PDB file of N, CA and C in Angstrom:
ATOM      1  N   MET A   1       0.853  -1.179   0.000  1.00  0.00           N
ATOM      2  CA  MET A   1       0.000   0.000   0.000  1.00  0.00           C
ATOM      3  C   MET A   1       0.896   1.239   0.000  1.00  0.00           C
ATOM      4  N   PRO A   2       0.616   2.224  -0.839  1.00  0.00           N
ATOM      5  CA  PRO A   2       1.453   3.423  -0.869  1.00  0.00           C
ATOM      6  C   PRO A   2       1.313   4.230   0.416  1.00  0.00           C
ATOM      7  N   GLN A   3       2.380   4.929   0.752  1.00  0.00           N
ATOM      8  CA  GLN A   3       2.395   5.791   1.941  1.00  0.00           C
ATOM      9  C   GLN A   3       1.393   6.930   1.743  1.00  0.00           C
ATOM     10  N   THR A   4       0.587   7.179   2.753  1.00  0.00           N
ATOM     11  CA  THR A   4      -0.382   8.268   2.667  1.00  0.00           C
ATOM     12  C   THR A   4       0.086   9.435   3.529  1.00  0.00           C
ATOM     13  N   PRO A   5      -0.239  10.656   3.121  1.00  0.00           N
ATOM     14  CA  PRO A   5       0.231  11.839   3.853  1.00  0.00           C
ATOM     15  C   PRO A   5      -0.655  12.145   5.067  1.00  0.00           C
ATOM     16  N   LEU A   6      -0.548  11.313   6.113  1.00  0.00           N
ATOM     17  CA  LEU A   6      -1.332  11.547   7.321  1.00  0.00           C
ATOM     18  C   LEU A   6      -0.601  10.975   8.525  1.00  0.00           C
ATOM     19  N   SER A   7      -1.008  11.407   9.688  1.00  0.00           N
ATOM     20  CA  SER A   7      -0.494  10.886  10.949  1.00  0.00           C
ATOM     21  C   SER A   7      -1.572  10.003  11.560  1.00  0.00           C
ATOM     22  N   PRO A   8      -1.183   8.937  12.265  1.00  0.00           N
ATOM     23  CA  PRO A   8      -2.193   8.115  12.932  1.00  0.00           C
ATOM     24  C   PRO A   8      -3.009   8.935  13.934  1.00  0.00           C
ATOM     25  N   PHE A   9      -2.328   9.889  14.588  1.00  0.00           N
ATOM     26  CA  PHE A   9      -3.020  10.799  15.496  1.00  0.00           C
ATOM     27  C   PHE A   9      -2.196  12.066  15.643  1.00  0.00           C
ATOM     28  N   ILE A  10      -2.889  13.130  16.027  1.00  0.00           N
ATOM     29  CA  ILE A  10      -2.263  14.428  16.306  1.00  0.00           C
ATOM     30  C   ILE A  10      -2.855  14.936  17.607  1.00  0.00           C
ATOM     31  N   GLU A  11      -2.004  15.485  18.469  1.00  0.00           N
ATOM     32  CA  GLU A  11      -2.489  16.047  19.727  1.00  0.00           C
ATOM     33  C   GLU A  11      -2.403  17.564  19.687  1.00  0.00           C
ATOM     34  N   LYS A  12      -3.461  18.205  20.141  1.00  0.00           N
ATOM     35  CA  LYS A  12      -3.512  19.662  20.187  1.00  0.00           C
ATOM     36  C   LYS A  12      -4.350  20.078  21.389  1.00  0.00           C
ATOM     37  N   ASN A  13      -3.751  20.823  22.300  1.00  0.00           N
ATOM     38  CA  ASN A  13      -4.457  21.355  23.479  1.00  0.00           C
ATOM     39  C   ASN A  13      -5.210  20.285  24.272  1.00  0.00           C
ATOM     40  N   GLY A  14      -4.574  19.136  24.456  1.00  0.00           N
ATOM     41  CA  GLY A  14      -5.172  18.073  25.253  1.00  0.00           C
ATOM     42  C   GLY A  14      -6.171  17.204  24.517  1.00  0.00           C
ATOM     43  N   LEU A  15      -6.438  17.515  23.255  1.00  0.00           N
ATOM     44  CA  LEU A  15      -7.312  16.674  22.434  1.00  0.00           C
ATOM     45  C   LEU A  15      -6.454  15.873  21.464  1.00  0.00           C
ATOM     46  N   ILE A  16      -6.850  14.637  21.241  1.00  0.00           N
ATOM     47  CA  ILE A  16      -6.123  13.761  20.337  1.00  0.00           C
ATOM     48  C   ILE A  16      -7.066  13.413  19.193  1.00  0.00           C
ATOM     49  N   PHE A  17      -6.676  13.760  17.991  1.00  0.00           N
ATOM     50  CA  PHE A  17      -7.467  13.534  16.790  1.00  0.00           C
ATOM     51  C   PHE A  17      -6.915  12.296  16.097  1.00  0.00           C
ATOM     52  N   LEU A  18      -7.715  11.243  16.032  1.00  0.00           N
ATOM     53  CA  LEU A  18      -7.277   9.977  15.452  1.00  0.00           C
ATOM     54  C   LEU A  18      -7.772   9.857  14.023  1.00  0.00           C
ATOM     55  N   SER A  19      -6.862   9.544  13.121  1.00  0.00           N
ATOM     56  CA  SER A  19      -7.229   9.349  11.715  1.00  0.00           C
ATOM     57  C   SER A  19      -8.170   8.169  11.578  1.00  0.00           C
ATOM     58  N   GLY A  20      -8.984   8.210  10.539  1.00  0.00           N
ATOM     59  CA  GLY A  20      -9.929   7.133  10.287  1.00  0.00           C
ATOM     60  C   GLY A  20      -9.225   5.805  10.072  1.00  0.00           C
ATOM     61  N   GLN A  21      -9.828   4.769  10.616  1.00  0.00           N
ATOM     62  CA  GLN A  21      -9.312   3.412  10.476  1.00  0.00           C
ATOM     63  C   GLN A  21     -10.315   2.583   9.685  1.00  0.00           C
ATOM     64  N   ILE A  22      -9.797   1.726   8.818  1.00  0.00           N
ATOM     65  CA  ILE A  22     -10.632   0.805   8.060  1.00  0.00           C
ATOM     66  C   ILE A  22     -10.263  -0.619   8.468  1.00  0.00           C
ATOM     67  N   HIS A  23     -10.911  -1.601   7.872  1.00  0.00           N
ATOM     68  CA  HIS A  23     -10.705  -2.991   8.268  1.00  0.00           C
ATOM     69  C   HIS A  23      -9.522  -3.634   7.553  1.00  0.00           C
ATOM     70  N   LEU A  24      -8.321  -3.076   7.831  1.00  0.00           N
ATOM     71  CA  LEU A  24      -7.083  -3.678   7.350  1.00  0.00           C
ATOM     72  C   LEU A  24      -6.625  -4.699   8.381  1.00  0.00           C
ATOM     73  N   ASP A  25      -6.161  -5.847   7.903  1.00  0.00           N
ATOM     74  CA  ASP A  25      -5.643  -6.853   8.827  1.00  0.00           C
ATOM     75  C   ASP A  25      -4.183  -6.550   9.165  1.00  0.00           C
ATOM     76  N   SER A  26      -3.556  -7.422   9.939  1.00  0.00           N
ATOM     77  CA  SER A  26      -2.178  -7.179  10.387  1.00  0.00           C
ATOM     78  C   SER A  26      -1.178  -7.178   9.240  1.00  0.00           C
ATOM     79  N   ASP A  27      -1.564  -7.727   8.083  1.00  0.00           N
ATOM     80  CA  ASP A  27      -0.699  -7.708   6.901  1.00  0.00           C
ATOM     81  C   ASP A  27      -0.958  -6.493   6.015  1.00  0.00           C
ATOM     82  N   GLY A  28      -1.857  -5.605   6.444  1.00  0.00           N
ATOM     83  CA  GLY A  28      -2.177  -4.424   5.658  1.00  0.00           C
ATOM     84  C   GLY A  28      -3.122  -4.695   4.504  1.00  0.00           C
ATOM     85  N   GLN A  29      -3.781  -5.841   4.544  1.00  0.00           N
ATOM     86  CA  GLN A  29      -4.739  -6.207   3.499  1.00  0.00           C
ATOM     87  C   GLN A  29      -6.155  -5.946   4.002  1.00  0.00           C
ATOM     88  N   LEU A  30      -7.026  -5.535   3.110  1.00  0.00           N
ATOM     89  CA  LEU A  30      -8.414  -5.290   3.475  1.00  0.00           C
ATOM     90  C   LEU A  30      -9.069  -6.615   3.855  1.00  0.00           C
ATOM     91  N   LEU A  31      -9.593  -6.685   5.069  1.00  0.00           N
ATOM     92  CA  LEU A  31     -10.238  -7.900   5.572  1.00  0.00           C
ATOM     93  C   LEU A  31     -11.568  -8.099   4.863  1.00  0.00           C
ATOM     94  N   GLN A  32     -11.691  -9.216   4.178  1.00  0.00           N
ATOM     95  CA  GLN A  32     -12.934  -9.568   3.494  1.00  0.00           C
ATOM     96  C   GLN A  32     -13.691 -10.504   4.434  1.00  0.00           C
ATOM     97  N   ALA A  33     -14.712  -9.989   5.084  1.00  0.00           N
ATOM     98  CA  ALA A  33     -15.464 -10.768   6.068  1.00  0.00           C
ATOM     99  C   ALA A  33     -16.847 -10.158   6.222  1.00  0.00           C
ATOM    100  N   ASP A  34     -17.621 -10.711   7.145  1.00  0.00           N
ATOM    101  CA  ASP A  34     -18.948 -10.177   7.417  1.00  0.00           C
ATOM    102  C   ASP A  34     -18.819  -8.811   8.100  1.00  0.00           C
ATOM    103  N   PRO A  35     -19.884  -7.995   8.094  1.00  0.00           N
ATOM    104  CA  PRO A  35     -19.810  -6.643   8.658  1.00  0.00           C
ATOM    105  C   PRO A  35     -19.394  -6.597  10.131  1.00  0.00           C
ATOM    106  N   ALA A  36     -19.816  -7.573  10.927  1.00  0.00           N
ATOM    107  CA  ALA A  36     -19.428  -7.571  12.347  1.00  0.00           C
ATOM    108  C   ALA A  36     -17.922  -7.760  12.498  1.00  0.00           C
ATOM    109  N   THR A  37     -17.350  -8.682  11.744  1.00  0.00           N
ATOM    110  CA  THR A  37     -15.910  -8.939  11.811  1.00  0.00           C
ATOM    111  C   THR A  37     -15.131  -7.741  11.274  1.00  0.00           C
ATOM    112  N   GLN A  38     -15.620  -7.135  10.204  1.00  0.00           N
ATOM    113  CA  GLN A  38     -14.966  -5.944   9.667  1.00  0.00           C
ATOM    114  C   GLN A  38     -14.982  -4.817  10.697  1.00  0.00           C
ATOM    115  N   THR A  39     -16.127  -4.594  11.343  1.00  0.00           N
ATOM    116  CA  THR A  39     -16.236  -3.529  12.346  1.00  0.00           C
ATOM    117  C   THR A  39     -15.313  -3.805  13.520  1.00  0.00           C
ATOM    118  N   LYS A  40     -15.242  -5.048  13.959  1.00  0.00           N
ATOM    119  CA  LYS A  40     -14.326  -5.415  15.046  1.00  0.00           C
ATOM    120  C   LYS A  40     -12.887  -5.088  14.656  1.00  0.00           C
ATOM    121  N   GLN A  41     -12.510  -5.404  13.411  1.00  0.00           N
ATOM    122  CA  GLN A  41     -11.147  -5.115  12.951  1.00  0.00           C
ATOM    123  C   GLN A  41     -10.876  -3.612  12.947  1.00  0.00           C
ATOM    124  N   VAL A  42     -11.865  -2.830  12.500  1.00  0.00           N
ATOM    125  CA  VAL A  42     -11.721  -1.372  12.504  1.00  0.00           C
ATOM    126  C   VAL A  42     -11.478  -0.875  13.929  1.00  0.00           C
ATOM    127  N   LEU A  43     -12.263  -1.367  14.878  1.00  0.00           N
ATOM    128  CA  LEU A  43     -12.122  -0.916  16.267  1.00  0.00           C
ATOM    129  C   LEU A  43     -10.828  -1.421  16.903  1.00  0.00           C
ATOM    130  N   GLU A  44     -10.376  -2.607  16.519  1.00  0.00           N
ATOM    131  CA  GLU A  44      -9.071  -3.084  16.991  1.00  0.00           C
ATOM    132  C   GLU A  44      -7.966  -2.171  16.462  1.00  0.00           C
ATOM    133  N   ASN A  45      -8.075  -1.779  15.195  1.00  0.00           N
ATOM    134  CA  ASN A  45      -7.084  -0.862  14.621  1.00  0.00           C
ATOM    135  C   ASN A  45      -7.121   0.492  15.330  1.00  0.00           C
ATOM    136  N   LEU A  46      -8.317   0.991  15.623  1.00  0.00           N
ATOM    137  CA  LEU A  46      -8.454   2.244  16.363  1.00  0.00           C
ATOM    138  C   LEU A  46      -7.835   2.095  17.757  1.00  0.00           C
ATOM    139  N   GLY A  47      -8.046   0.957  18.384  1.00  0.00           N
ATOM    140  CA  GLY A  47      -7.458   0.692  19.698  1.00  0.00           C
ATOM    141  C   GLY A  47      -5.943   0.730  19.677  1.00  0.00           C
ATOM    142  N   ARG A  48      -5.333   0.233  18.601  1.00  0.00           N
ATOM    143  CA  ARG A  48      -3.868   0.285  18.485  1.00  0.00           C
ATOM    144  C   ARG A  48      -3.371   1.729  18.401  1.00  0.00           C
ATOM    145  N   VAL A  49      -4.112   2.572  17.687  1.00  0.00           N
ATOM    146  CA  VAL A  49      -3.722   3.983  17.613  1.00  0.00           C
ATOM    147  C   VAL A  49      -3.904   4.642  18.979  1.00  0.00           C
ATOM    148  N   LEU A  50      -4.977   4.317  19.676  1.00  0.00           N
ATOM    149  CA  LEU A  50      -5.162   4.841  21.035  1.00  0.00           C
ATOM    150  C   LEU A  50      -4.000   4.406  21.932  1.00  0.00           C
ATOM    151  N   ASP A  51      -3.574   3.148  21.806  1.00  0.00           N
ATOM    152  CA  ASP A  51      -2.423   2.662  22.585  1.00  0.00           C
ATOM    153  C   ASP A  51      -1.170   3.482  22.272  1.00  0.00           C
ATOM    154  N   GLN A  52      -0.948   3.777  20.992  1.00  0.00           N
ATOM    155  CA  GLN A  52       0.216   4.587  20.603  1.00  0.00           C
ATOM    156  C   GLN A  52       0.184   5.950  21.280  1.00  0.00           C
ATOM    157  N   ALA A  53      -1.014   6.483  21.467  1.00  0.00           N
ATOM    158  CA  ALA A  53      -1.181   7.794  22.114  1.00  0.00           C
ATOM    159  C   ALA A  53      -1.269   7.661  23.635  1.00  0.00           C
ATOM    160  N   GLU A  54      -1.086   6.428  24.137  1.00  0.00           N
ATOM    161  CA  GLU A  54      -1.170   6.126  25.573  1.00  0.00           C
ATOM    162  C   GLU A  54      -2.552   6.470  26.134  1.00  0.00           C
ATOM    163  N   LEU A  55      -3.584   6.071  25.387  1.00  0.00           N
ATOM    164  CA  LEU A  55      -4.980   6.303  25.758  1.00  0.00           C
ATOM    165  C   LEU A  55      -5.751   4.999  25.605  1.00  0.00           C
ATOM    166  N   SER A  56      -7.030   5.039  25.966  1.00  0.00           N
ATOM    167  CA  SER A  56      -7.914   3.889  25.793  1.00  0.00           C
ATOM    168  C   SER A  56      -9.251   4.368  25.230  1.00  0.00           C
ATOM    169  N   PHE A  57     -10.142   3.441  24.971  1.00  0.00           N
ATOM    170  CA  PHE A  57     -11.468   3.802  24.475  1.00  0.00           C
ATOM    171  C   PHE A  57     -12.210   4.700  25.465  1.00  0.00           C
ATOM    172  N   ALA A  58     -11.880   4.604  26.744  1.00  0.00           N
ATOM    173  CA  ALA A  58     -12.524   5.452  27.756  1.00  0.00           C
ATOM    174  C   ALA A  58     -12.202   6.930  27.565  1.00  0.00           C
ATOM    175  N   ASN A  59     -11.106   7.243  26.850  1.00  0.00           N
ATOM    176  CA  ASN A  59     -10.720   8.626  26.596  1.00  0.00           C
ATOM    177  C   ASN A  59     -11.438   9.244  25.392  1.00  0.00           C
ATOM    178  N   VAL A  60     -12.118   8.428  24.608  1.00  0.00           N
ATOM    179  CA  VAL A  60     -12.755   8.905  23.377  1.00  0.00           C
ATOM    180  C   VAL A  60     -14.006   9.713  23.710  1.00  0.00           C
ATOM    181  N   VAL A  61     -14.075  10.917  23.133  1.00  0.00           N
ATOM    182  CA  VAL A  61     -15.211  11.808  23.383  1.00  0.00           C
ATOM    183  C   VAL A  61     -16.093  12.009  22.143  1.00  0.00           C
ATOM    184  N   LYS A  62     -15.585  11.665  20.964  1.00  0.00           N
ATOM    185  CA  LYS A  62     -16.328  11.894  19.718  1.00  0.00           C
ATOM    186  C   LYS A  62     -15.917  10.839  18.702  1.00  0.00           C
ATOM    187  N   VAL A  63     -16.892  10.273  18.016  1.00  0.00           N
ATOM    188  CA  VAL A  63     -16.647   9.242  17.012  1.00  0.00           C
ATOM    189  C   VAL A  63     -17.421   9.590  15.749  1.00  0.00           C
ATOM    190  N   THR A  64     -16.795   9.353  14.604  1.00  0.00           N
ATOM    191  CA  THR A  64     -17.488   9.439  13.325  1.00  0.00           C
ATOM    192  C   THR A  64     -17.351   8.083  12.643  1.00  0.00           C
ATOM    193  N   ILE A  65     -18.487   7.524  12.243  1.00  0.00           N
ATOM    194  CA  ILE A  65     -18.511   6.244  11.548  1.00  0.00           C
ATOM    195  C   ILE A  65     -18.996   6.487  10.124  1.00  0.00           C
ATOM    196  N   TYR A  66     -18.255   5.962   9.165  1.00  0.00           N
ATOM    197  CA  TYR A  66     -18.626   6.051   7.756  1.00  0.00           C
ATOM    198  C   TYR A  66     -18.975   4.654   7.267  1.00  0.00           C
ATOM    199  N   LEU A  67     -20.147   4.509   6.640  1.00  0.00           N
ATOM    200  CA  LEU A  67     -20.596   3.222   6.121  1.00  0.00           C
ATOM    201  C   LEU A  67     -20.972   3.356   4.651  1.00  0.00           C
ATOM    202  N   THR A  68     -20.578   2.372   3.856  1.00  0.00           N
ATOM    203  CA  THR A  68     -20.997   2.373   2.459  1.00  0.00           C
ATOM    204  C   THR A  68     -22.352   1.701   2.292  1.00  0.00           C
ATOM    205  N   ASP A  69     -22.839   1.059   3.353  1.00  0.00           N
ATOM    206  CA  ASP A  69     -24.143   0.391   3.321  1.00  0.00           C
ATOM    207  C   ASP A  69     -24.820   0.607   4.671  1.00  0.00           C
ATOM    208  N   MET A  70     -25.805   1.477   4.711  1.00  0.00           N
ATOM    209  CA  MET A  70     -26.465   1.804   5.978  1.00  0.00           C
ATOM    210  C   MET A  70     -27.280   0.639   6.537  1.00  0.00           C
ATOM    211  N   SER A  71     -27.487  -0.404   5.772  1.00  0.00           N
ATOM    212  CA  SER A  71     -28.234  -1.559   6.289  1.00  0.00           C
ATOM    213  C   SER A  71     -27.438  -2.317   7.358  1.00  0.00           C
ATOM    214  N   ILE A  72     -26.135  -2.070   7.471  1.00  0.00           N
ATOM    215  CA  ILE A  72     -25.324  -2.744   8.500  1.00  0.00           C
ATOM    216  C   ILE A  72     -25.239  -1.920   9.781  1.00  0.00           C
ATOM    217  N   TYR A  73     -25.969  -0.827   9.858  1.00  0.00           N
ATOM    218  CA  TYR A  73     -25.950   0.070  11.020  1.00  0.00           C
ATOM    219  C   TYR A  73     -26.164  -0.677  12.336  1.00  0.00           C
ATOM    220  N   GLY A  74     -27.148  -1.554  12.394  1.00  0.00           N
ATOM    221  CA  GLY A  74     -27.431  -2.299  13.615  1.00  0.00           C
ATOM    222  C   GLY A  74     -26.284  -3.207  14.025  1.00  0.00           C
ATOM    223  N   VAL A  75     -25.690  -3.883  13.059  1.00  0.00           N
ATOM    224  CA  VAL A  75     -24.553  -4.766  13.331  1.00  0.00           C
ATOM    225  C   VAL A  75     -23.379  -3.955  13.871  1.00  0.00           C
ATOM    226  N   VAL A  76     -23.125  -2.813  13.254  1.00  0.00           N
ATOM    227  CA  VAL A  76     -22.038  -1.937  13.704  1.00  0.00           C
ATOM    228  C   VAL A  76     -22.288  -1.504  15.148  1.00  0.00           C
ATOM    229  N   ASN A  77     -23.513  -1.138  15.473  1.00  0.00           N
ATOM    230  CA  ASN A  77     -23.841  -0.740  16.847  1.00  0.00           C
ATOM    231  C   ASN A  77     -23.586  -1.864  17.844  1.00  0.00           C
ATOM    232  N   GLU A  78     -23.938  -3.098  17.474  1.00  0.00           N
ATOM    233  CA  GLU A  78     -23.712  -4.231  18.364  1.00  0.00           C
ATOM    234  C   GLU A  78     -22.230  -4.392  18.700  1.00  0.00           C
ATOM    235  N   VAL A  79     -21.384  -4.312  17.695  1.00  0.00           N
ATOM    236  CA  VAL A  79     -19.939  -4.438  17.926  1.00  0.00           C
ATOM    237  C   VAL A  79     -19.419  -3.217  18.686  1.00  0.00           C
ATOM    238  N   TYR A  80     -19.875  -2.048  18.305  1.00  0.00           N
ATOM    239  CA  TYR A  80     -19.460  -0.777  18.918  1.00  0.00           C
ATOM    240  C   TYR A  80     -19.633  -0.811  20.434  1.00  0.00           C
ATOM    241  N   THR A  81     -20.769  -1.353  20.906  1.00  0.00           N
ATOM    242  CA  THR A  81     -21.042  -1.351  22.347  1.00  0.00           C
ATOM    243  C   THR A  81     -20.175  -2.342  23.120  1.00  0.00           C
ATOM    244  N   THR A  82     -19.392  -3.158  22.419  1.00  0.00           N
ATOM    245  CA  THR A  82     -18.437  -4.012  23.125  1.00  0.00           C
ATOM    246  C   THR A  82     -17.108  -3.290  23.358  1.00  0.00           C
ATOM    247  N   TYR A  83     -16.923  -2.126  22.737  1.00  0.00           N
ATOM    248  CA  TYR A  83     -15.708  -1.333  22.908  1.00  0.00           C
ATOM    249  C   TYR A  83     -15.944  -0.061  23.716  1.00  0.00           C
ATOM    250  N   PHE A  84     -17.152   0.475  23.659  1.00  0.00           N
ATOM    251  CA  PHE A  84     -17.494   1.718  24.352  1.00  0.00           C
ATOM    252  C   PHE A  84     -18.599   1.450  25.363  1.00  0.00           C
ATOM    253  N   GLN A  85     -18.498   2.101  26.516  1.00  0.00           N
ATOM    254  CA  GLN A  85     -19.529   1.984  27.540  1.00  0.00           C
ATOM    255  C   GLN A  85     -20.142   3.354  27.798  1.00  0.00           C
ATOM    256  N   GLU A  86     -21.277   3.359  28.499  1.00  0.00           N
ATOM    257  CA  GLU A  86     -21.935   4.620  28.871  1.00  0.00           C
ATOM    258  C   GLU A  86     -21.074   5.385  29.862  1.00  0.00           C
ATOM    259  N   PRO A  87     -21.035   6.687  29.790  1.00  0.00           N
ATOM    260  CA  PRO A  87     -21.701   7.495  28.765  1.00  0.00           C
ATOM    261  C   PRO A  87     -20.931   7.376  27.447  1.00  0.00           C
ATOM    262  N   PHE A  88     -21.653   7.002  26.394  1.00  0.00           N
ATOM    263  CA  PHE A  88     -21.029   6.814  25.092  1.00  0.00           C
ATOM    264  C   PHE A  88     -20.504   8.145  24.540  1.00  0.00           C
ATOM    265  N   PRO A  89     -19.451   8.087  23.706  1.00  0.00           N
ATOM    266  CA  PRO A  89     -18.986   9.318  23.059  1.00  0.00           C
ATOM    267  C   PRO A  89     -20.074   9.914  22.169  1.00  0.00           C
ATOM    268  N   ALA A  90     -20.016  11.216  21.956  1.00  0.00           N
ATOM    269  CA  ALA A  90     -20.858  11.842  20.937  1.00  0.00           C
ATOM    270  C   ALA A  90     -20.498  11.173  19.606  1.00  0.00           C
ATOM    271  N   ARG A  91     -21.471  11.120  18.684  1.00  0.00           N
ATOM    272  CA  ARG A  91     -21.208  10.328  17.482  1.00  0.00           C
ATOM    273  C   ARG A  91     -22.138  10.714  16.352  1.00  0.00           C
ATOM    274  N   GLU A  92     -21.653  10.499  15.136  1.00  0.00           N
ATOM    275  CA  GLU A  92     -22.517  10.517  13.970  1.00  0.00           C
ATOM    276  C   GLU A  92     -22.131   9.338  13.089  1.00  0.00           C
ATOM    277  N   VAL A  93     -23.112   8.873  12.328  1.00  0.00           N
ATOM    278  CA  VAL A  93     -22.896   7.819  11.339  1.00  0.00           C
ATOM    279  C   VAL A  93     -23.279   8.412   9.994  1.00  0.00           C
ATOM    280  N   VAL A  94     -22.362   8.293   9.045  1.00  0.00           N
ATOM    281  CA  VAL A  94     -22.549   8.924   7.739  1.00  0.00           C
ATOM    282  C   VAL A  94     -22.522   7.850   6.657  1.00  0.00           C
ATOM    283  N   GLY A  95     -23.549   7.827   5.834  1.00  0.00           N
ATOM    284  CA  GLY A  95     -23.565   6.944   4.680  1.00  0.00           C
ATOM    285  C   GLY A  95     -22.781   7.588   3.545  1.00  0.00           C
ATOM    286  N   VAL A  96     -21.840   6.831   2.982  1.00  0.00           N
ATOM    287  CA  VAL A  96     -20.989   7.345   1.904  1.00  0.00           C
ATOM    288  C   VAL A  96     -21.015   6.390   0.715  1.00  0.00           C
ATOM    289  N   GLN A  97     -20.650   6.916  -0.428  1.00  0.00           N
ATOM    290  CA  GLN A  97     -20.642   6.101  -1.635  1.00  0.00           C
ATOM    291  C   GLN A  97     -19.483   5.116  -1.645  1.00  0.00           C
ATOM    292  N   SER A  98     -18.303   5.560  -1.192  1.00  0.00           N
ATOM    293  CA  SER A  98     -17.138   4.670  -1.189  1.00  0.00           C
ATOM    294  C   SER A  98     -16.144   5.124  -0.126  1.00  0.00           C
ATOM    295  N   LEU A  99     -15.243   4.200   0.229  1.00  0.00           N
ATOM    296  CA  LEU A  99     -14.189   4.460   1.208  1.00  0.00           C
ATOM    297  C   LEU A  99     -12.857   3.981   0.638  1.00  0.00           C
ATOM    298  N   PRO A 100     -11.735   4.419   1.217  1.00  0.00           N
ATOM    299  CA  PRO A 100     -10.427   4.013   0.707  1.00  0.00           C
ATOM    300  C   PRO A 100     -10.271   2.490   0.604  1.00  0.00           C
ATOM    301  N   LEU A 101      -9.622   2.054  -0.442  1.00  0.00           N
ATOM    302  CA  LEU A 101      -9.286   0.655  -0.705  1.00  0.00           C
ATOM    303  C   LEU A 101     -10.507  -0.263  -0.822  1.00  0.00           C
ATOM    304  N   GLY A 102     -11.692   0.327  -0.976  1.00  0.00           N
ATOM    305  CA  GLY A 102     -12.901  -0.475  -1.092  1.00  0.00           C
ATOM    306  C   GLY A 102     -13.476  -0.930   0.238  1.00  0.00           C
ATOM    307  N   ALA A 103     -13.052  -0.289   1.330  1.00  0.00           N
ATOM    308  CA  ALA A 103     -13.581  -0.635   2.655  1.00  0.00           C
ATOM    309  C   ALA A 103     -15.064  -0.327   2.730  1.00  0.00           C
ATOM    310  N   SER A 104     -15.751  -0.992   3.664  1.00  0.00           N
ATOM    311  CA  SER A 104     -17.163  -0.709   3.864  1.00  0.00           C
ATOM    312  C   SER A 104     -17.425   0.022   5.182  1.00  0.00           C
ATOM    313  N   VAL A 105     -16.421   0.043   6.075  1.00  0.00           N
ATOM    314  CA  VAL A 105     -16.548   0.715   7.371  1.00  0.00           C
ATOM    315  C   VAL A 105     -15.266   1.492   7.638  1.00  0.00           C
ATOM    316  N   GLU A 106     -15.424   2.753   8.086  1.00  0.00           N
ATOM    317  CA  GLU A 106     -14.287   3.549   8.542  1.00  0.00           C
ATOM    318  C   GLU A 106     -14.737   4.285   9.807  1.00  0.00           C
ATOM    319  N   ILE A 107     -13.847   4.343  10.784  1.00  0.00           N
ATOM    320  CA  ILE A 107     -14.157   5.038  12.024  1.00  0.00           C
ATOM    321  C   ILE A 107     -12.998   5.952  12.397  1.00  0.00           C
ATOM    322  N   SER A 108     -13.320   7.217  12.689  1.00  0.00           N
ATOM    323  CA  SER A 108     -12.341   8.168  13.211  1.00  0.00           C
ATOM    324  C   SER A 108     -12.821   8.613  14.587  1.00  0.00           C
ATOM    325  N   ALA A 109     -11.931   9.230  15.358  1.00  0.00           N
ATOM    326  CA  ALA A 109     -12.305   9.597  16.722  1.00  0.00           C
ATOM    327  C   ALA A 109     -11.503  10.800  17.210  1.00  0.00           C
ATOM    328  N   ILE A 110     -12.052  11.409  18.242  1.00  0.00           N
ATOM    329  CA  ILE A 110     -11.359  12.450  19.000  1.00  0.00           C
ATOM    330  C   ILE A 110     -11.357  11.981  20.445  1.00  0.00           C
ATOM    331  N   ALA A 111     -10.192  12.049  21.072  1.00  0.00           N
ATOM    332  CA  ALA A 111     -10.049  11.643  22.472  1.00  0.00           C
ATOM    333  C   ALA A 111      -9.496  12.813  23.276  1.00  0.00           C
ATOM    334  N   ALA A 112      -9.629  12.712  24.583  1.00  0.00           N
ATOM    335  CA  ALA A 112      -9.116  13.744  25.493  1.00  0.00           C
ATOM    336  C   ALA A 112      -8.262  13.082  26.566  1.00  0.00           C
ATOM    337  N   ARG A 113      -7.218  13.773  26.966  1.00  0.00           N
ATOM    338  CA  ARG A 113      -6.360  13.252  28.050  1.00  0.00           C
ATOM    339  C   ARG A 113      -7.056  13.391  29.377  1.00  0.00           C
TER     340      ARG A 113
END
């Protein structure tokens, strides 16, 4: 995969802005699986970036989810609630025509120290 001009995360004034993560596996290949498994992979990838920033899912205050198929919204929510607990971060879910590398789910986040 070619190098992209972005940082996994950037910190500014105590806020950490995490770049969107898609369902790439540990080999950098797009995981071809059911929507629940893809969403789990996306959140695992997001968790690794949080670890790099020395944070956890508990630090996340805002999430944006991009889906190429809004019919998987319920499945995404089921997986999402295994990573986030109440009070849940503020969030929006956006239906999009396409995502990088043909992904079907992308999640970005903002966290606070």
